[in-house]
N, C-alpha and C. Protein backbone atom coordinates (compact mmCIF):
# COMPACT_ATOMS: atom_id res chain seq x y z
N GLN A 1 169.08 -187.72 85.05
CA GLN A 1 169.87 -188.58 86.57
C GLN A 1 171.10 -188.08 86.37
N VAL A 2 171.92 -187.38 87.28
CA VAL A 2 173.43 -187.73 87.13
C VAL A 2 174.18 -188.73 87.74
N ARG A 3 175.53 -189.07 86.75
CA ARG A 3 175.83 -191.00 88.03
C ARG A 3 177.41 -190.21 87.49
N LEU A 4 177.95 -189.64 89.04
CA LEU A 4 179.15 -189.58 89.59
C LEU A 4 180.20 -190.84 89.03
N LEU A 5 181.31 -190.90 87.72
CA LEU A 5 181.89 -191.73 87.82
C LEU A 5 183.00 -191.36 88.65
N HIS A 6 183.79 -190.17 88.73
CA HIS A 6 185.47 -189.76 88.42
C HIS A 6 184.87 -188.66 89.52
N PRO A 7 185.56 -188.01 90.30
CA PRO A 7 185.71 -186.58 91.34
C PRO A 7 185.05 -186.15 90.29
N ARG A 8 185.86 -186.06 88.88
CA ARG A 8 186.30 -184.34 88.17
C ARG A 8 184.98 -185.12 86.79
N VAL A 9 184.66 -186.27 86.76
CA VAL A 9 183.85 -186.67 85.71
C VAL A 9 182.32 -187.01 85.85
N THR A 10 181.14 -186.10 85.44
CA THR A 10 179.75 -186.43 85.92
C THR A 10 179.17 -187.04 84.38
N LEU A 11 177.75 -187.61 84.20
CA LEU A 11 177.57 -188.24 82.99
C LEU A 11 175.67 -188.45 83.17
N VAL A 12 175.32 -187.81 82.22
CA VAL A 12 173.85 -187.96 82.23
C VAL A 12 173.29 -188.88 81.59
N GLY A 13 172.28 -190.06 82.25
CA GLY A 13 171.78 -191.22 81.61
C GLY A 13 170.91 -191.61 82.60
N GLY A 14 169.68 -192.45 82.58
CA GLY A 14 169.30 -193.33 83.38
C GLY A 14 168.27 -192.86 83.79
N SER A 15 167.61 -193.43 85.23
CA SER A 15 167.09 -192.74 86.15
C SER A 15 167.97 -193.17 87.51
N ILE A 16 167.04 -192.62 88.69
CA ILE A 16 167.53 -193.47 89.62
C ILE A 16 167.13 -194.95 90.06
N GLY A 17 168.47 -195.68 90.42
CA GLY A 17 168.72 -197.31 90.43
C GLY A 17 168.40 -198.07 88.93
N GLU A 18 168.70 -197.61 88.28
CA GLU A 18 168.34 -197.99 86.51
C GLU A 18 169.77 -198.11 86.25
N ARG A 19 170.32 -198.99 85.45
CA ARG A 19 171.46 -199.39 84.83
C ARG A 19 171.57 -197.83 83.62
N PRO A 20 172.46 -197.73 84.21
CA PRO A 20 172.79 -196.42 82.53
C PRO A 20 172.89 -197.21 81.10
N SER A 21 172.57 -196.70 79.82
CA SER A 21 172.73 -197.04 78.91
C SER A 21 174.28 -197.55 78.37
N SER A 22 174.41 -198.61 77.55
CA SER A 22 176.22 -198.88 77.10
C SER A 22 177.12 -197.74 76.51
N ALA A 23 176.01 -197.32 76.14
CA ALA A 23 176.38 -195.76 75.30
C ALA A 23 177.49 -195.04 76.34
N VAL A 24 176.01 -195.06 77.84
CA VAL A 24 176.81 -193.90 78.06
C VAL A 24 178.24 -194.84 79.51
N ASP A 25 177.82 -196.41 79.20
CA ASP A 25 178.96 -197.10 80.07
C ASP A 25 180.37 -196.83 78.97
N ALA A 26 180.17 -196.82 77.33
CA ALA A 26 181.78 -196.98 76.82
C ALA A 26 181.91 -195.18 76.67
N ALA A 27 181.28 -193.94 77.12
CA ALA A 27 181.92 -193.12 77.06
C ALA A 27 182.66 -192.91 78.13
N ALA A 28 182.39 -192.90 79.17
CA ALA A 28 182.71 -192.83 81.04
C ALA A 28 183.96 -193.83 80.36
N ASP A 29 184.11 -194.98 79.93
CA ASP A 29 185.34 -195.81 79.91
C ASP A 29 186.37 -195.12 79.44
N GLY A 30 185.73 -194.52 78.11
CA GLY A 30 186.74 -193.54 77.74
C GLY A 30 187.92 -191.92 77.60
N MET A 31 186.46 -191.80 78.44
CA MET A 31 186.97 -190.52 79.00
C MET A 31 188.00 -190.80 80.64
N LEU A 32 187.74 -191.75 81.13
CA LEU A 32 188.71 -192.79 82.14
C LEU A 32 189.65 -192.64 81.56
N ALA A 33 190.02 -193.20 80.17
CA ALA A 33 191.49 -193.89 79.69
C ALA A 33 192.24 -192.40 79.46
N MET A 34 191.34 -191.58 78.89
CA MET A 34 192.04 -190.67 78.22
C MET A 34 192.83 -189.87 79.77
N ALA A 35 191.72 -190.02 80.94
CA ALA A 35 192.05 -189.74 82.01
C ALA A 35 193.28 -189.68 82.08
N ARG A 36 193.54 -191.41 82.44
CA ARG A 36 195.13 -192.11 82.47
C ARG A 36 196.08 -191.90 82.02
N GLN A 37 195.53 -191.15 80.52
CA GLN A 37 196.76 -190.80 79.99
C GLN A 37 197.53 -190.04 80.00
N LEU A 38 197.35 -188.94 80.53
CA LEU A 38 197.04 -187.40 81.11
C LEU A 38 197.98 -187.83 82.62
N LYS A 39 199.45 -187.05 81.62
CA LYS A 39 200.75 -186.76 82.35
C LYS A 39 200.88 -185.24 82.92
N PRO A 40 200.71 -185.45 84.44
CA PRO A 40 201.11 -184.00 85.06
C PRO A 40 202.39 -182.97 84.70
N PHE A 41 202.40 -182.50 84.55
CA PHE A 41 203.81 -181.36 83.77
C PHE A 41 203.62 -179.70 84.97
N GLY A 42 204.64 -179.16 84.81
CA GLY A 42 204.80 -177.93 85.85
C GLY A 42 205.79 -177.77 86.71
N PRO A 43 205.46 -176.87 87.02
CA PRO A 43 204.99 -175.38 87.51
C PRO A 43 205.19 -174.96 85.77
N VAL A 44 204.31 -174.15 85.33
CA VAL A 44 204.76 -173.61 83.80
C VAL A 44 204.50 -172.33 84.16
N VAL A 45 205.22 -171.39 83.47
CA VAL A 45 205.48 -169.81 84.27
C VAL A 45 204.34 -169.00 82.67
N VAL A 46 203.34 -168.49 83.05
CA VAL A 46 202.33 -168.27 81.82
C VAL A 46 203.17 -166.41 81.76
N ALA A 47 203.36 -165.88 82.80
CA ALA A 47 204.03 -164.31 82.41
C ALA A 47 204.72 -164.34 83.93
N ASN A 48 205.93 -163.55 83.41
CA ASN A 48 206.69 -163.20 84.60
C ASN A 48 206.93 -161.46 84.89
N PRO A 49 205.68 -160.92 85.64
CA PRO A 49 205.61 -159.65 85.44
C PRO A 49 206.43 -159.15 86.80
N GLY A 50 207.28 -159.85 87.34
CA GLY A 50 208.01 -159.42 88.49
C GLY A 50 207.68 -158.61 89.83
N GLY A 51 206.69 -160.18 90.14
CA GLY A 51 206.28 -160.50 91.05
C GLY A 51 205.11 -159.82 91.30
N ARG A 52 204.15 -159.41 91.08
CA ARG A 52 203.12 -158.00 90.89
C ARG A 52 201.67 -158.80 90.85
N ALA A 53 201.74 -159.46 89.49
CA ALA A 53 200.76 -160.21 89.50
C ALA A 53 199.60 -161.34 91.09
N SER A 54 198.64 -161.19 91.03
CA SER A 54 197.79 -161.77 91.57
C SER A 54 196.82 -161.77 90.79
N TYR A 55 195.40 -163.05 91.66
CA TYR A 55 194.00 -162.64 90.93
C TYR A 55 194.10 -163.05 89.90
N ALA A 56 194.92 -164.29 89.73
CA ALA A 56 194.71 -164.98 88.23
C ALA A 56 193.54 -166.18 87.86
N ARG A 57 192.74 -165.30 86.92
CA ARG A 57 191.39 -166.38 86.41
C ARG A 57 191.53 -166.79 84.67
N ALA A 58 191.07 -168.13 84.28
CA ALA A 58 191.37 -168.17 82.92
C ALA A 58 189.85 -169.32 82.76
N VAL A 59 190.52 -169.30 81.42
CA VAL A 59 189.09 -170.44 81.05
C VAL A 59 189.31 -170.86 79.93
N ARG A 60 188.87 -172.01 80.06
CA ARG A 60 189.00 -172.99 78.92
C ARG A 60 187.68 -172.87 77.80
N LEU A 61 188.70 -173.05 76.22
CA LEU A 61 187.28 -172.72 75.70
C LEU A 61 186.63 -174.40 75.13
N SER A 62 185.26 -174.40 74.98
CA SER A 62 184.40 -174.71 74.69
C SER A 62 185.01 -175.75 73.31
N THR A 63 185.43 -174.69 72.12
CA THR A 63 185.09 -174.84 70.68
C THR A 63 186.55 -175.76 70.63
N ALA A 64 186.49 -176.87 69.94
CA ALA A 64 188.00 -177.56 69.22
C ALA A 64 188.33 -178.37 68.69
N GLN A 65 189.06 -178.59 67.63
CA GLN A 65 189.45 -179.55 66.32
C GLN A 65 188.84 -180.71 67.24
N PRO A 66 188.25 -181.67 66.51
CA PRO A 66 188.28 -182.82 66.86
C PRO A 66 190.46 -183.55 67.01
N GLY A 67 190.91 -183.91 68.02
CA GLY A 67 191.77 -184.61 68.20
C GLY A 67 192.61 -183.51 68.59
N ARG A 68 192.34 -182.54 68.95
CA ARG A 68 193.34 -181.47 68.98
C ARG A 68 193.37 -180.84 70.60
N SER A 69 193.98 -180.22 71.65
CA SER A 69 193.15 -179.61 73.09
C SER A 69 192.51 -178.23 72.64
N ARG A 70 191.61 -178.34 73.61
CA ARG A 70 190.99 -177.15 73.81
C ARG A 70 192.15 -175.52 74.46
N THR A 71 191.49 -174.39 73.73
CA THR A 71 192.09 -173.25 73.94
C THR A 71 191.93 -173.16 75.22
N LEU A 72 193.48 -172.61 75.97
CA LEU A 72 192.97 -171.66 77.34
C LEU A 72 193.16 -170.65 77.44
N LEU A 73 192.55 -169.65 78.07
CA LEU A 73 192.88 -168.23 78.28
C LEU A 73 193.12 -167.78 79.46
N ALA A 74 194.05 -167.25 79.46
CA ALA A 74 194.44 -166.46 81.26
C ALA A 74 194.65 -164.85 81.34
N THR A 75 194.60 -164.52 82.63
CA THR A 75 194.84 -163.05 82.79
C THR A 75 194.59 -163.16 84.09
N PHE A 76 195.04 -161.97 84.86
CA PHE A 76 195.40 -161.66 85.95
C PHE A 76 196.00 -160.02 86.20
N GLN A 77 195.58 -159.39 87.67
CA GLN A 77 196.10 -158.16 87.30
C GLN A 77 197.27 -158.02 88.55
N GLY A 78 197.94 -156.79 87.78
CA GLY A 78 199.35 -156.30 87.89
C GLY A 78 200.24 -157.14 86.68
N GLY A 79 199.77 -156.54 85.61
CA GLY A 79 200.47 -156.95 84.28
C GLY A 79 201.38 -156.18 83.93
N GLY A 80 201.19 -154.73 84.51
CA GLY A 80 202.28 -153.65 84.59
C GLY A 80 202.16 -152.56 83.25
N GLY A 81 200.79 -152.94 82.32
CA GLY A 81 200.55 -152.06 81.46
C GLY A 81 199.12 -151.70 81.50
N PRO A 82 198.33 -150.47 80.74
CA PRO A 82 197.08 -150.31 80.76
C PRO A 82 195.81 -151.60 80.49
N GLY A 83 195.08 -151.64 81.51
CA GLY A 83 194.54 -152.88 81.16
C GLY A 83 194.74 -154.50 82.04
N PHE A 84 194.13 -155.13 81.47
CA PHE A 84 194.79 -156.19 81.82
C PHE A 84 195.35 -157.67 80.62
N PRO A 85 196.39 -157.89 80.82
CA PRO A 85 196.91 -158.64 79.96
C PRO A 85 196.09 -159.88 79.65
N LEU A 86 196.28 -160.80 78.38
CA LEU A 86 195.41 -162.30 78.17
C LEU A 86 196.42 -162.59 76.78
N TYR A 87 196.65 -164.26 78.24
CA TYR A 87 197.35 -165.10 77.72
C TYR A 87 196.57 -166.23 77.21
N ARG A 88 197.22 -166.98 75.71
CA ARG A 88 196.39 -168.17 75.30
C ARG A 88 197.70 -168.79 74.96
N SER A 89 196.81 -170.37 75.47
CA SER A 89 197.37 -171.71 75.32
C SER A 89 196.46 -172.35 74.47
N ASP A 90 197.16 -173.24 73.92
CA ASP A 90 196.65 -174.41 72.47
C ASP A 90 197.28 -175.80 72.99
N ASP A 91 197.98 -175.52 74.01
CA ASP A 91 198.69 -176.81 74.06
C ASP A 91 198.26 -177.41 74.94
N ASP A 92 197.02 -177.27 76.14
CA ASP A 92 196.77 -177.70 77.81
C ASP A 92 197.39 -176.88 78.65
N GLY A 93 197.86 -175.73 78.10
CA GLY A 93 198.63 -175.31 79.59
C GLY A 93 200.67 -174.94 79.41
N ARG A 94 201.07 -176.20 78.65
CA ARG A 94 201.70 -176.37 78.29
C ARG A 94 202.74 -174.85 78.11
N THR A 95 202.04 -174.16 77.08
CA THR A 95 203.17 -173.07 76.58
C THR A 95 202.06 -171.75 76.38
N TRP A 96 202.32 -170.94 76.20
CA TRP A 96 201.44 -169.90 76.29
C TRP A 96 201.82 -168.74 76.12
N GLN A 97 201.25 -167.63 75.36
CA GLN A 97 201.82 -166.52 74.54
C GLN A 97 200.63 -165.54 74.52
N LYS A 98 200.94 -164.14 74.78
CA LYS A 98 200.13 -163.27 75.14
C LYS A 98 199.66 -162.81 74.08
N GLN A 99 198.39 -162.55 74.15
CA GLN A 99 197.49 -162.58 72.75
C GLN A 99 197.12 -161.30 72.65
N SER A 100 196.39 -160.00 73.40
CA SER A 100 195.98 -159.52 73.77
C SER A 100 195.56 -158.90 74.89
N SER A 101 195.33 -157.60 75.00
CA SER A 101 194.73 -156.73 76.65
C SER A 101 193.54 -156.19 76.32
N VAL A 102 192.54 -156.10 77.45
CA VAL A 102 191.55 -156.32 77.32
C VAL A 102 191.68 -154.55 78.14
N PRO A 103 190.74 -153.49 77.31
CA PRO A 103 191.60 -152.24 77.78
C PRO A 103 190.61 -151.79 78.71
N THR A 104 191.10 -151.53 80.25
CA THR A 104 190.54 -150.91 80.91
C THR A 104 191.00 -148.98 81.91
N ALA A 105 190.28 -148.79 82.12
CA ALA A 105 190.91 -147.28 82.40
C ALA A 105 191.03 -147.27 83.72
N GLY A 106 191.89 -146.06 84.13
CA GLY A 106 191.97 -146.11 85.84
C GLY A 106 192.17 -147.89 85.98
N VAL A 107 192.38 -147.29 87.48
CA VAL A 107 192.72 -148.46 88.52
C VAL A 107 191.75 -149.42 88.29
N SER A 108 191.81 -150.93 88.04
CA SER A 108 191.00 -152.19 88.01
C SER A 108 191.79 -152.93 88.42
N LEU A 109 190.95 -153.94 89.06
CA LEU A 109 191.41 -154.89 90.08
C LEU A 109 190.43 -156.48 89.94
N GLN A 110 190.38 -157.39 89.58
CA GLN A 110 189.82 -158.75 90.33
C GLN A 110 189.56 -158.92 88.87
N PRO A 111 190.23 -159.07 87.88
CA PRO A 111 189.26 -159.65 87.06
C PRO A 111 188.98 -161.32 86.53
N PHE A 112 187.74 -161.43 85.57
CA PHE A 112 186.87 -162.87 85.51
C PHE A 112 186.77 -162.85 84.05
N LEU A 113 186.88 -164.09 83.63
CA LEU A 113 186.78 -164.69 82.14
C LEU A 113 185.97 -165.61 82.46
N TYR A 114 184.71 -165.70 81.58
CA TYR A 114 183.71 -166.27 81.14
C TYR A 114 182.94 -166.46 79.75
N GLU A 115 182.52 -167.87 78.88
CA GLU A 115 182.48 -168.37 77.96
C GLU A 115 181.04 -168.45 78.14
N LEU A 116 180.54 -167.71 77.18
CA LEU A 116 178.50 -168.14 76.59
C LEU A 116 178.87 -169.30 76.33
N PRO A 117 178.02 -170.02 76.93
CA PRO A 117 177.51 -171.32 76.69
C PRO A 117 176.18 -171.42 75.55
N ARG A 118 175.93 -171.15 75.58
CA ARG A 118 174.71 -169.93 74.61
C ARG A 118 174.54 -168.82 73.70
N ALA A 119 173.75 -168.46 72.68
CA ALA A 119 173.87 -166.98 73.01
C ALA A 119 173.00 -166.18 73.43
N PHE A 120 173.19 -165.01 74.14
CA PHE A 120 172.43 -164.32 75.22
C PHE A 120 172.53 -162.90 75.45
N ALA A 121 172.08 -162.12 75.13
CA ALA A 121 172.15 -160.85 75.51
C ALA A 121 172.49 -159.83 74.22
N GLY A 122 171.85 -160.67 72.75
CA GLY A 122 172.34 -160.17 71.75
C GLY A 122 173.81 -159.92 70.86
N LEU A 123 174.68 -161.52 72.40
CA LEU A 123 175.90 -161.95 71.75
C LEU A 123 175.53 -163.57 71.32
N PRO A 124 176.75 -164.13 70.54
CA PRO A 124 176.56 -165.37 70.20
C PRO A 124 177.58 -166.12 71.03
N LYS A 125 176.88 -167.56 70.95
CA LYS A 125 177.70 -168.71 71.64
C LYS A 125 179.07 -168.45 71.60
N GLY A 126 179.98 -168.44 72.74
CA GLY A 126 181.34 -168.78 72.02
C GLY A 126 181.50 -167.16 72.80
N ALA A 127 180.89 -166.47 72.65
CA ALA A 127 181.63 -164.45 73.08
C ALA A 127 182.21 -165.28 74.44
N LEU A 128 183.07 -164.00 74.74
CA LEU A 128 183.78 -163.95 75.78
C LEU A 128 183.32 -162.53 76.48
N LEU A 129 183.09 -162.93 77.71
CA LEU A 129 182.78 -162.52 78.44
C LEU A 129 183.91 -161.56 79.70
N PHE A 130 184.51 -160.47 80.03
CA PHE A 130 185.45 -159.98 81.33
C PHE A 130 184.68 -159.14 81.93
N ALA A 131 184.83 -159.21 83.37
CA ALA A 131 184.33 -158.39 84.23
C ALA A 131 185.85 -157.89 85.35
N CYS A 132 185.64 -157.27 85.54
CA CYS A 132 186.80 -156.46 86.77
C CYS A 132 186.24 -155.27 87.00
N ASN A 133 186.67 -155.00 88.51
CA ASN A 133 186.30 -154.00 89.61
C ASN A 133 187.09 -152.93 89.13
N SER A 134 186.12 -152.20 88.66
CA SER A 134 187.19 -150.54 87.95
C SER A 134 186.71 -149.37 89.61
N LEU A 135 188.13 -149.30 89.58
CA LEU A 135 187.99 -147.89 90.67
C LEU A 135 188.05 -146.11 90.82
N GLY A 136 188.02 -146.49 89.32
CA GLY A 136 186.97 -144.88 89.18
C GLY A 136 187.88 -143.45 89.76
N ASN A 137 187.99 -142.94 90.59
CA ASN A 137 188.85 -142.09 91.14
C ASN A 137 188.75 -142.15 92.96
N PHE A 138 188.62 -143.48 93.02
CA PHE A 138 188.54 -143.99 94.32
C PHE A 138 187.05 -143.76 94.94
N THR A 139 186.03 -143.00 94.31
CA THR A 139 184.74 -142.24 95.48
C THR A 139 183.90 -143.73 94.99
N SER A 140 183.90 -144.99 93.99
CA SER A 140 183.09 -146.18 94.25
C SER A 140 183.73 -147.23 93.85
N THR A 141 183.28 -148.21 94.00
CA THR A 141 183.92 -148.96 92.70
C THR A 141 182.59 -149.63 92.16
N ASN A 142 183.17 -150.19 90.63
CA ASN A 142 182.62 -150.31 89.81
C ASN A 142 182.50 -151.40 88.78
N ILE A 143 181.49 -152.51 89.13
CA ILE A 143 181.75 -154.02 88.13
C ILE A 143 181.66 -153.68 86.53
N GLN A 144 182.88 -153.85 85.82
CA GLN A 144 182.48 -153.13 84.74
C GLN A 144 182.83 -154.27 83.84
N LEU A 145 181.47 -154.74 82.47
CA LEU A 145 181.87 -155.78 81.71
C LEU A 145 181.99 -155.27 80.40
N TYR A 146 183.22 -156.35 79.97
CA TYR A 146 183.90 -156.44 78.57
C TYR A 146 183.32 -157.68 78.10
N ALA A 147 182.99 -157.19 76.36
CA ALA A 147 182.88 -159.23 75.89
C ALA A 147 184.06 -158.77 74.23
N SER A 148 183.77 -160.15 73.77
CA SER A 148 184.55 -159.91 73.02
C SER A 148 184.22 -161.76 72.08
N THR A 149 184.05 -161.13 71.11
CA THR A 149 183.13 -162.41 69.59
C THR A 149 184.39 -162.81 68.88
N ASP A 150 185.55 -162.66 68.92
CA ASP A 150 186.49 -162.46 68.52
C ASP A 150 187.93 -163.81 68.73
N GLY A 151 186.70 -164.19 70.20
CA GLY A 151 187.95 -165.32 70.78
C GLY A 151 188.78 -164.59 71.53
N GLY A 152 188.84 -163.29 72.09
CA GLY A 152 189.25 -162.85 72.81
C GLY A 152 190.59 -161.52 71.86
N LEU A 153 190.59 -161.55 71.05
CA LEU A 153 191.52 -160.91 69.96
C LEU A 153 191.05 -159.26 70.29
N THR A 154 190.03 -158.88 70.27
CA THR A 154 189.25 -157.60 70.06
C THR A 154 188.20 -157.13 71.92
N TRP A 155 188.34 -156.47 72.52
CA TRP A 155 186.98 -156.30 73.39
C TRP A 155 186.29 -155.40 73.58
N GLN A 156 184.92 -155.28 73.23
CA GLN A 156 184.36 -154.03 73.88
C GLN A 156 183.73 -154.12 74.71
N PHE A 157 184.09 -152.87 75.53
CA PHE A 157 182.92 -152.57 76.94
C PHE A 157 181.61 -152.36 76.41
N LEU A 158 180.65 -152.86 77.52
CA LEU A 158 178.95 -153.52 77.53
C LEU A 158 178.60 -151.93 78.29
N ARG A 159 179.50 -153.10 79.77
CA ARG A 159 178.43 -151.35 80.34
C ARG A 159 179.16 -151.36 81.74
N MET A 160 179.08 -150.52 82.77
CA MET A 160 178.65 -150.76 83.81
C MET A 160 177.65 -151.74 84.73
N VAL A 161 177.93 -152.85 85.32
CA VAL A 161 176.55 -153.59 86.02
C VAL A 161 176.67 -153.35 86.91
N ALA A 162 177.88 -152.89 88.23
CA ALA A 162 176.86 -152.34 89.35
C ALA A 162 178.00 -151.42 90.16
N GLN A 163 177.52 -150.47 90.94
CA GLN A 163 177.92 -149.66 91.87
C GLN A 163 178.39 -149.43 92.91
N GLY A 164 179.26 -149.60 93.98
CA GLY A 164 179.57 -149.85 95.64
C GLY A 164 179.68 -148.84 95.82
N GLY A 165 180.06 -148.74 96.96
CA GLY A 165 180.86 -147.31 97.74
C GLY A 165 182.28 -147.63 97.88
N PRO A 166 183.11 -146.28 98.16
CA PRO A 166 184.54 -146.45 97.93
C PRO A 166 185.28 -147.49 98.56
N PRO A 167 186.40 -147.94 97.84
CA PRO A 167 187.23 -149.16 98.25
C PRO A 167 187.67 -149.03 99.59
N ASP A 168 188.35 -149.72 100.20
CA ASP A 168 188.68 -149.85 101.42
C ASP A 168 190.23 -149.51 101.56
């Protein structure tokens, strides 16, 4: 069963009406102590493409060294170049650097990033998926799927997963 300790922290333990184990209590106390130590910061500029950026998306990668921050990856539409820019932060979003671009053809909108929590469809756990809406020659909208198995350094087109009518 799930016990809600904080709006952003959920833990699994015990059953309804039963007191969770002391290990769960200790873990909850540790997480709440860490959350109290976090200090707000910002705003932080990831990139400045001259006011054309929109539809920003980010993913926090699950892999990290013990005691180190987990990596954040971010992208947005309107990056000014071919494809979608991919930015990386290794310090909880305080600083960012451009890591790569997801190469798409033609006009593409509405990016989305996702990390696989387990191996799926021939891709390993931790592989990154990127989806976007490609407008092609403006006769249809096409949801395209890309994958990266090296933390977002390089991307491979997998397939068009859906096709719709012309864009509005």
